[in-house]
Protein backbone atom coordinates (compact mmCIF):
# COMPACT_ATOMS: atom_id res chain seq x y z
CA ASP A 1 108.25 78.35 122.95
CA GLN A 2 110.28 81.11 121.25
CA ASN A 3 109.47 79.65 117.66
CA LEU A 4 107.12 81.55 115.35
CA ASP A 5 104.78 79.04 113.84
CA ILE A 6 101.13 78.23 113.29
CA SER A 7 100.69 77.37 117.01
CA ASP A 8 101.05 81.00 117.71
CA ALA A 9 98.08 81.91 115.56
CA VAL A 10 96.03 79.09 117.03
CA CYS A 11 96.96 80.35 120.66
CA VAL A 12 95.70 83.89 119.83
CA LEU A 13 92.46 82.44 118.14
CA GLY A 14 91.88 80.08 121.07
CA PHE A 15 92.30 82.89 123.59
CA LEU A 16 90.03 85.29 121.74
CA PHE A 17 87.24 82.83 120.77
CA LEU A 18 87.47 79.43 122.75
CA GLY A 19 88.65 80.62 126.29
CA GLY A 20 91.87 78.66 126.06
CA PRO A 21 94.59 79.17 126.78
CA GLU A 22 93.26 81.04 129.81
CA ARG A 23 96.01 83.66 129.52
CA LEU A 24 98.38 85.04 127.11
CA PRO A 25 102.15 84.64 127.81
CA CYS A 26 103.13 88.10 129.09
CA GLY A 27 102.41 90.16 132.29
CA ASP A 28 98.99 89.62 133.69
CA GLY A 29 97.94 87.45 130.67
CA SER A 30 95.31 89.86 129.53
CA VAL A 31 94.67 90.81 125.84
CA SER A 32 95.17 94.46 126.84
CA GLY A 33 98.52 93.95 128.73
CA ALA A 34 101.35 96.08 127.19
CA GLY A 35 103.56 92.88 126.70
CA ASN A 36 100.85 90.98 125.01
CA VAL A 37 99.89 93.76 122.74
CA SER A 38 103.63 94.18 121.73
CA LEU A 39 103.90 90.38 121.14
CA ALA A 40 100.64 89.68 119.33
CA ASP A 41 99.56 92.92 117.70
CA TRP A 42 100.66 91.87 114.14
CA GLN A 43 98.47 94.58 112.53
CA PRO A 44 99.89 97.43 114.73
CA ASP A 45 96.62 99.06 115.93
CA GLY A 46 97.22 98.87 119.69
CA LYS A 47 94.93 95.85 120.20
CA VAL A 48 94.96 92.07 119.78
CA ASP A 49 92.14 90.67 117.62
CA LEU A 50 91.28 88.47 114.77
CA SER A 51 93.24 90.48 112.30
CA ASP A 52 96.47 89.79 114.18
CA ALA A 53 96.09 86.09 113.94
CA VAL A 54 95.24 86.44 110.13
CA GLY A 55 98.34 88.79 109.72
CA LEU A 56 100.59 86.07 111.25
CA LEU A 57 99.08 83.35 109.07
CA GLN A 58 99.70 85.46 106.01
CA PHE A 59 103.25 86.00 107.05
CA LEU A 60 103.87 82.33 107.58
CA PHE A 61 102.08 81.03 104.48
CA SER A 62 101.54 83.66 101.80
CA GLY A 63 104.38 86.16 102.02
CA GLY A 64 102.66 88.81 104.23
CA PRO A 65 104.68 91.43 106.00
CA PRO A 66 106.70 90.70 109.14
CA HIS A 67 105.68 91.60 112.66
CA PRO A 68 106.11 95.43 113.28
CA LEU A 69 108.91 94.73 115.61
CA GLY A 70 110.79 93.01 112.79
CA SER A 71 111.90 89.53 112.22
CA GLU A 72 114.64 89.40 114.84
CA CYS A 73 114.00 88.42 118.52
CA THR A 74 113.23 91.67 120.45
CA GLY A 75 112.90 92.22 124.15
CA ILE A 76 109.32 92.98 125.14
CA LEU A 77 108.20 94.76 128.23
CA GLU A 78 106.40 92.28 130.71
CA CYS A 79 107.87 89.35 128.84
CA PRO A 80 111.29 88.70 130.41
CA GLU A 81 111.33 85.19 128.91
CA ALA A 82 111.23 86.46 125.48
CA CYS A 83 114.51 85.97 123.54
CA GLY A 84 115.74 83.45 126.08
CA GLY A 85 115.30 85.65 129.16
């Protein structure tokens, strides 16, 4: 929805551990797709996992560092709808 909030962490956790949502928002929807890694890899280690949801929650609620791409909307490969298209 182009808003960074707790629902983004919930989405990543749901995808990783509950099977829902069925796909992530970019490209083929997989956890290994380049767009989804760019979008959700909060701990820039090249993969999307529990640490990324935790990093996002730390940013939102306890002064943790921002996403590696910065705090401004940035275009992401395989995610043409990011930043309003």
